N, C-alpha and C. Protein backbone atom coordinates (compact mmCIF):
# COMPACT_ATOMS: atom_id res chain seq x y z
N UNK A 1 133.05 85.46 49.65
CA UNK A 1 132.15 86.09 48.73
C UNK A 1 131.68 87.40 49.36
N UNK A 2 131.48 88.40 48.54
CA UNK A 2 130.96 89.69 48.99
C UNK A 2 129.59 89.86 48.36
N UNK A 3 128.60 90.25 49.18
CA UNK A 3 127.23 90.42 48.70
C UNK A 3 127.17 91.59 47.73
N UNK A 4 126.51 91.39 46.59
CA UNK A 4 126.40 92.41 45.57
C UNK A 4 125.45 93.53 45.99
N UNK A 5 124.52 93.24 46.88
CA UNK A 5 123.53 94.24 47.30
C UNK A 5 124.06 95.10 48.45
N UNK A 6 124.52 94.46 49.56
CA UNK A 6 124.90 95.24 50.74
C UNK A 6 126.40 95.34 50.95
N UNK A 7 127.21 94.51 50.24
CA UNK A 7 128.65 94.57 50.37
C UNK A 7 129.19 93.83 51.57
N UNK A 8 128.35 93.06 52.26
CA UNK A 8 128.75 92.32 53.46
C UNK A 8 129.61 91.12 53.06
N UNK A 9 130.83 90.97 53.67
CA UNK A 9 131.65 89.80 53.37
C UNK A 9 131.06 88.57 54.04
N UNK A 10 131.13 87.45 53.34
CA UNK A 10 130.55 86.23 53.88
C UNK A 10 131.32 85.03 53.37
N UNK A 11 131.32 83.95 54.14
CA UNK A 11 131.95 82.70 53.72
C UNK A 11 130.93 81.74 53.12
N UNK A 12 129.73 82.22 52.87
CA UNK A 12 128.68 81.38 52.32
C UNK A 12 129.05 80.97 50.90
N UNK A 13 128.67 79.76 50.50
CA UNK A 13 128.98 79.32 49.14
C UNK A 13 128.19 80.10 48.11
N UNK A 14 128.65 80.05 46.88
CA UNK A 14 127.97 80.74 45.79
C UNK A 14 126.57 80.16 45.65
N UNK A 15 125.56 81.02 45.55
CA UNK A 15 124.18 80.59 45.43
C UNK A 15 123.44 80.62 46.75
N UNK A 16 124.17 80.80 47.88
CA UNK A 16 123.53 80.85 49.20
C UNK A 16 123.10 82.29 49.50
N UNK A 17 122.17 82.46 50.42
CA UNK A 17 121.66 83.79 50.79
C UNK A 17 122.66 84.51 51.67
N UNK A 18 122.73 85.85 51.52
CA UNK A 18 123.60 86.69 52.34
C UNK A 18 123.05 86.70 53.77
N UNK A 19 123.87 86.48 54.81
CA UNK A 19 123.37 86.47 56.19
C UNK A 19 122.93 87.85 56.67
N UNK A 20 123.41 88.94 56.05
CA UNK A 20 123.05 90.29 56.51
C UNK A 20 121.74 90.77 55.89
N UNK A 21 121.56 90.60 54.58
CA UNK A 21 120.37 91.17 53.93
C UNK A 21 119.46 90.12 53.30
N UNK A 22 119.89 88.89 53.21
CA UNK A 22 119.07 87.82 52.64
C UNK A 22 119.11 87.74 51.12
N UNK A 23 119.92 88.58 50.48
CA UNK A 23 120.01 88.56 49.02
C UNK A 23 120.67 87.26 48.58
N UNK A 24 120.05 86.65 47.59
CA UNK A 24 120.60 85.39 47.07
C UNK A 24 121.31 85.69 45.75
N UNK A 25 122.61 85.45 45.73
CA UNK A 25 123.41 85.66 44.52
C UNK A 25 123.17 84.47 43.59
N UNK A 26 122.82 84.73 42.33
CA UNK A 26 122.58 83.60 41.43
C UNK A 26 123.87 82.85 41.14
N UNK A 27 123.72 81.57 40.94
CA UNK A 27 124.88 80.74 40.60
C UNK A 27 125.37 81.13 39.21
N UNK A 28 126.67 81.08 38.98
CA UNK A 28 127.19 81.46 37.67
C UNK A 28 126.69 80.49 36.59
N UNK A 29 126.41 81.06 35.46
CA UNK A 29 125.97 80.23 34.34
C UNK A 29 127.21 79.69 33.64
N UNK A 30 127.38 78.41 33.71
CA UNK A 30 128.52 77.78 33.07
C UNK A 30 128.20 77.57 31.60
N UNK A 31 129.17 77.74 30.76
CA UNK A 31 128.88 77.53 29.33
C UNK A 31 128.51 76.08 29.07
N UNK A 32 127.52 75.92 28.26
CA UNK A 32 127.12 74.56 27.90
C UNK A 32 127.95 74.08 26.73
N UNK A 33 128.13 72.79 26.68
CA UNK A 33 128.92 72.22 25.59
C UNK A 33 128.10 72.25 24.31
N UNK A 34 128.66 72.83 23.30
CA UNK A 34 127.99 72.88 22.01
C UNK A 34 128.68 71.89 21.07
N UNK A 35 127.92 71.39 20.19
CA UNK A 35 128.48 70.44 19.23
C UNK A 35 129.48 71.17 18.34
N UNK A 36 130.67 70.68 18.33
CA UNK A 36 131.72 71.26 17.51
C UNK A 36 131.68 70.61 16.14
N UNK A 37 131.98 71.38 15.11
CA UNK A 37 132.00 70.77 13.78
C UNK A 37 133.10 69.71 13.70
N UNK A 38 132.81 68.66 13.02
CA UNK A 38 133.77 67.58 12.88
C UNK A 38 134.74 67.91 11.75
N UNK A 39 135.81 68.58 12.10
CA UNK A 39 136.82 68.96 11.13
C UNK A 39 138.02 68.05 11.31
N UNK A 40 138.46 67.49 10.25
CA UNK A 40 139.65 66.64 10.28
C UNK A 40 140.63 67.17 9.26
N UNK A 41 141.88 67.31 9.67
CA UNK A 41 142.86 67.83 8.72
C UNK A 41 143.06 66.83 7.58
N UNK A 42 143.19 67.35 6.41
CA UNK A 42 143.41 66.51 5.24
C UNK A 42 144.90 66.18 5.15
N UNK A 43 145.19 64.93 4.93
CA UNK A 43 146.58 64.51 4.80
C UNK A 43 147.13 65.00 3.46
N UNK A 44 148.29 65.58 3.53
CA UNK A 44 148.95 66.04 2.31
C UNK A 44 149.89 64.93 1.86
N UNK A 45 149.67 64.45 0.66
CA UNK A 45 150.49 63.37 0.14
C UNK A 45 151.54 63.99 -0.78
N UNK A 46 152.78 63.82 -0.37
CA UNK A 46 153.89 64.35 -1.17
C UNK A 46 154.59 63.20 -1.86
N UNK A 47 155.10 63.47 -3.04
CA UNK A 47 155.90 62.43 -3.68
C UNK A 47 157.18 62.21 -2.88
N UNK A 48 157.77 61.06 -3.07
CA UNK A 48 158.98 60.75 -2.33
C UNK A 48 160.13 61.65 -2.79
N UNK A 49 161.05 61.87 -1.89
CA UNK A 49 162.23 62.69 -2.18
C UNK A 49 163.00 62.06 -3.34
N UNK A 50 163.21 62.83 -4.41
CA UNK A 50 163.89 62.26 -5.59
C UNK A 50 165.31 61.79 -5.26
N UNK A 51 165.59 60.56 -5.62
CA UNK A 51 166.93 60.01 -5.42
C UNK A 51 167.16 59.35 -4.09
N UNK A 52 166.21 59.46 -3.17
CA UNK A 52 166.42 58.92 -1.82
C UNK A 52 166.48 57.39 -1.83
N UNK A 53 165.65 56.75 -2.64
CA UNK A 53 165.64 55.29 -2.68
C UNK A 53 166.97 54.74 -3.19
N UNK A 54 167.51 55.37 -4.21
CA UNK A 54 168.78 54.92 -4.77
C UNK A 54 169.90 55.06 -3.75
N UNK A 55 169.94 56.21 -3.08
CA UNK A 55 170.98 56.44 -2.08
C UNK A 55 170.84 55.46 -0.93
N UNK A 56 169.60 55.17 -0.55
CA UNK A 56 169.38 54.23 0.55
C UNK A 56 169.88 52.83 0.19
N UNK A 57 169.59 52.38 -1.02
CA UNK A 57 170.05 51.05 -1.46
C UNK A 57 171.57 50.99 -1.51
N UNK A 58 172.18 52.02 -2.09
CA UNK A 58 173.65 52.04 -2.18
C UNK A 58 174.26 52.13 -0.78
N UNK A 59 173.62 52.86 0.13
CA UNK A 59 174.13 52.97 1.50
C UNK A 59 174.10 51.62 2.20
N UNK A 60 173.03 50.88 2.00
CA UNK A 60 172.93 49.56 2.63
C UNK A 60 173.99 48.62 2.04
N UNK A 61 174.16 48.66 0.73
CA UNK A 61 175.20 47.83 0.10
C UNK A 61 176.59 48.23 0.58
N UNK A 62 176.81 49.53 0.71
CA UNK A 62 178.11 50.02 1.19
C UNK A 62 178.35 49.57 2.63
N UNK A 63 177.31 49.63 3.45
CA UNK A 63 177.46 49.23 4.85
C UNK A 63 177.74 47.74 4.98
N UNK A 64 177.15 46.94 4.12
CA UNK A 64 177.33 45.49 4.25
C UNK A 64 178.58 44.97 3.56
N UNK A 65 179.09 45.69 2.54
CA UNK A 65 180.21 45.11 1.79
C UNK A 65 181.49 45.93 1.81
N UNK A 66 181.41 47.23 1.80
CA UNK A 66 182.63 48.04 1.63
C UNK A 66 183.09 48.70 2.92
N UNK A 67 182.33 49.68 3.34
CA UNK A 67 182.77 50.54 4.44
C UNK A 67 181.58 50.76 5.38
N UNK A 68 181.54 50.02 6.46
CA UNK A 68 180.38 50.06 7.34
C UNK A 68 180.09 51.45 7.92
N UNK A 69 181.06 52.20 8.44
CA UNK A 69 180.73 53.52 9.00
C UNK A 69 180.11 54.47 7.99
N UNK A 70 180.65 54.50 6.78
CA UNK A 70 180.11 55.39 5.75
C UNK A 70 178.72 54.94 5.34
N UNK A 71 178.50 53.64 5.22
CA UNK A 71 177.19 53.12 4.85
C UNK A 71 176.13 53.41 5.89
N UNK A 72 176.49 53.23 7.16
CA UNK A 72 175.53 53.50 8.24
C UNK A 72 175.18 54.98 8.28
N UNK A 73 176.18 55.84 8.15
CA UNK A 73 175.88 57.28 8.10
C UNK A 73 175.01 57.63 6.90
N UNK A 74 175.27 56.99 5.77
CA UNK A 74 174.44 57.22 4.59
C UNK A 74 172.99 56.82 4.83
N UNK A 75 172.77 55.68 5.48
CA UNK A 75 171.41 55.24 5.78
C UNK A 75 170.72 56.23 6.73
N UNK A 76 171.43 56.62 7.78
CA UNK A 76 170.84 57.55 8.76
C UNK A 76 170.50 58.89 8.13
N UNK A 77 171.42 59.42 7.34
CA UNK A 77 171.17 60.73 6.72
C UNK A 77 170.07 60.65 5.65
N UNK A 78 169.99 59.53 4.96
CA UNK A 78 168.92 59.38 3.97
C UNK A 78 167.56 59.36 4.66
N UNK A 79 167.46 58.63 5.75
CA UNK A 79 166.18 58.59 6.48
C UNK A 79 165.84 59.96 7.07
N UNK A 80 166.86 60.68 7.55
CA UNK A 80 166.62 62.02 8.07
C UNK A 80 166.14 62.95 6.95
N UNK A 81 166.72 62.80 5.76
CA UNK A 81 166.30 63.62 4.61
C UNK A 81 164.85 63.32 4.24
N UNK A 82 164.47 62.04 4.28
CA UNK A 82 163.08 61.68 3.97
C UNK A 82 162.12 62.33 4.97
N UNK A 83 162.50 62.30 6.25
CA UNK A 83 161.65 62.89 7.29
C UNK A 83 161.52 64.41 7.08
N UNK A 84 162.63 65.07 6.80
CA UNK A 84 162.59 66.51 6.55
C UNK A 84 161.73 66.83 5.33
N UNK A 85 161.82 66.00 4.30
CA UNK A 85 161.03 66.20 3.09
C UNK A 85 159.54 66.11 3.40
N UNK A 86 159.15 65.13 4.21
CA UNK A 86 157.74 64.97 4.56
C UNK A 86 157.24 66.12 5.43
N UNK A 87 158.13 66.73 6.20
CA UNK A 87 157.76 67.88 7.03
C UNK A 87 157.68 69.16 6.21
N UNK A 88 158.10 69.12 4.96
CA UNK A 88 158.04 70.30 4.11
C UNK A 88 159.28 71.16 4.14
N UNK A 89 160.34 70.68 4.76
CA UNK A 89 161.59 71.43 4.83
C UNK A 89 162.50 70.96 3.69
N UNK A 90 162.15 71.40 2.49
CA UNK A 90 162.77 70.90 1.27
C UNK A 90 164.26 71.21 1.17
N UNK A 91 164.65 72.43 1.48
CA UNK A 91 166.07 72.81 1.34
C UNK A 91 166.95 71.98 2.28
N UNK A 92 166.50 71.80 3.52
CA UNK A 92 167.28 71.00 4.47
C UNK A 92 167.32 69.54 4.03
N UNK A 93 166.20 69.05 3.47
CA UNK A 93 166.15 67.66 3.02
C UNK A 93 167.13 67.43 1.89
N UNK A 94 167.18 68.34 0.93
CA UNK A 94 168.09 68.18 -0.19
C UNK A 94 169.55 68.28 0.25
N UNK A 95 169.82 69.17 1.21
CA UNK A 95 171.19 69.29 1.72
C UNK A 95 171.60 68.03 2.47
N UNK A 96 170.70 67.49 3.29
CA UNK A 96 171.00 66.27 4.04
C UNK A 96 171.18 65.09 3.09
N UNK A 97 170.36 65.03 2.03
CA UNK A 97 170.51 63.95 1.06
C UNK A 97 171.83 64.07 0.31
N UNK A 98 172.27 65.30 0.04
CA UNK A 98 173.57 65.45 -0.63
C UNK A 98 174.71 64.98 0.27
N UNK A 99 174.59 65.23 1.59
CA UNK A 99 175.60 64.71 2.53
C UNK A 99 175.57 63.18 2.53
N UNK A 100 174.37 62.61 2.49
CA UNK A 100 174.26 61.14 2.47
C UNK A 100 174.89 60.57 1.21
N UNK A 101 174.64 61.22 0.07
CA UNK A 101 175.24 60.76 -1.19
C UNK A 101 176.76 60.81 -1.12
N UNK A 102 177.27 61.94 -0.61
CA UNK A 102 178.72 62.11 -0.54
C UNK A 102 179.34 61.04 0.36
N UNK A 103 178.72 60.78 1.51
CA UNK A 103 179.25 59.80 2.44
C UNK A 103 179.16 58.39 1.84
N UNK A 104 178.02 58.08 1.23
CA UNK A 104 177.82 56.74 0.68
C UNK A 104 178.75 56.46 -0.48
N UNK A 105 178.76 57.35 -1.47
CA UNK A 105 179.59 57.11 -2.65
C UNK A 105 181.07 57.22 -2.30
N UNK A 106 181.42 58.10 -1.38
CA UNK A 106 182.82 58.18 -0.93
C UNK A 106 183.25 56.91 -0.22
N UNK A 107 182.38 56.39 0.66
CA UNK A 107 182.70 55.14 1.35
C UNK A 107 182.80 53.97 0.39
N UNK A 108 181.91 53.94 -0.60
CA UNK A 108 181.96 52.86 -1.59
C UNK A 108 183.24 52.95 -2.42
N UNK A 109 183.63 54.16 -2.79
CA UNK A 109 184.86 54.33 -3.58
C UNK A 109 186.09 53.92 -2.77
N UNK A 110 186.14 54.34 -1.50
CA UNK A 110 187.28 53.96 -0.65
C UNK A 110 187.31 52.45 -0.47
N UNK A 111 186.15 51.85 -0.25
CA UNK A 111 186.08 50.40 -0.09
C UNK A 111 186.54 49.66 -1.33
N UNK A 112 186.12 50.15 -2.51
CA UNK A 112 186.54 49.50 -3.74
C UNK A 112 188.03 49.66 -3.99
N UNK A 113 188.56 50.85 -3.73
CA UNK A 113 190.00 51.08 -3.92
C UNK A 113 190.79 50.18 -2.97
N UNK A 114 190.37 50.10 -1.73
CA UNK A 114 191.08 49.23 -0.79
C UNK A 114 190.94 47.77 -1.18
N UNK A 115 189.79 47.37 -1.69
CA UNK A 115 189.61 45.99 -2.15
C UNK A 115 190.54 45.65 -3.30
N UNK A 116 190.63 46.56 -4.28
CA UNK A 116 191.54 46.34 -5.42
C UNK A 116 192.98 46.32 -4.94
N UNK A 117 193.32 47.19 -4.01
CA UNK A 117 194.69 47.22 -3.47
C UNK A 117 195.02 45.92 -2.75
N UNK A 118 194.10 45.38 -2.00
CA UNK A 118 194.32 44.11 -1.31
C UNK A 118 194.55 42.99 -2.32
N UNK A 119 193.74 42.97 -3.39
CA UNK A 119 193.91 41.93 -4.41
C UNK A 119 195.28 42.06 -5.07
N UNK A 120 195.67 43.28 -5.40
CA UNK A 120 196.98 43.49 -6.03
C UNK A 120 198.10 43.03 -5.09
N UNK A 121 198.00 43.36 -3.83
CA UNK A 121 199.03 42.94 -2.87
C UNK A 121 199.06 41.43 -2.70
N UNK A 122 197.91 40.78 -2.71
CA UNK A 122 197.87 39.33 -2.58
C UNK A 122 198.50 38.66 -3.81
N UNK A 123 198.21 39.18 -4.98
CA UNK A 123 198.81 38.64 -6.20
C UNK A 123 200.31 38.86 -6.17
N UNK A 124 200.77 40.02 -5.72
CA UNK A 124 202.21 40.30 -5.64
C UNK A 124 202.90 39.35 -4.67
N UNK A 125 202.24 39.06 -3.54
CA UNK A 125 202.84 38.14 -2.56
C UNK A 125 202.92 36.74 -3.14
N UNK A 126 201.90 36.30 -3.88
CA UNK A 126 201.88 34.97 -4.48
C UNK A 126 202.95 34.85 -5.57
N UNK A 127 203.17 35.92 -6.32
CA UNK A 127 204.16 35.89 -7.38
C UNK A 127 205.56 35.82 -6.79
N UNK A 128 205.80 36.47 -5.65
CA UNK A 128 207.13 36.52 -5.04
C UNK A 128 207.50 35.20 -4.37
N UNK A 129 206.57 34.31 -4.12
CA UNK A 129 206.89 33.04 -3.44
C UNK A 129 207.66 32.12 -4.29
């Protein structure tokens, strides 16, 4: 610390008297805690992303019955779209939901086509016996 009156350097703590001139430096005034206003952010309630519930249900059905990889990707992308929608990133949410729809309905279509093809082949094998 350097004395404000005489400029003498000293190792004395803040608030102690200067050894050269006896000047006592006042202790710094620390800010006192003031009561802060109790402000709480208001929750914004948004409606659910249109079509997300339908895509989620079809994705789960697709994952369990037709094409598991496409169904799982559909579920993941639908949930990601819901999260983006709640964050207010509408364009990204709609794009992600469209990818989920494409994957889900594409997987369901491929699963149904393969299912019908398997049935046709089984009937053909039974007829040939």
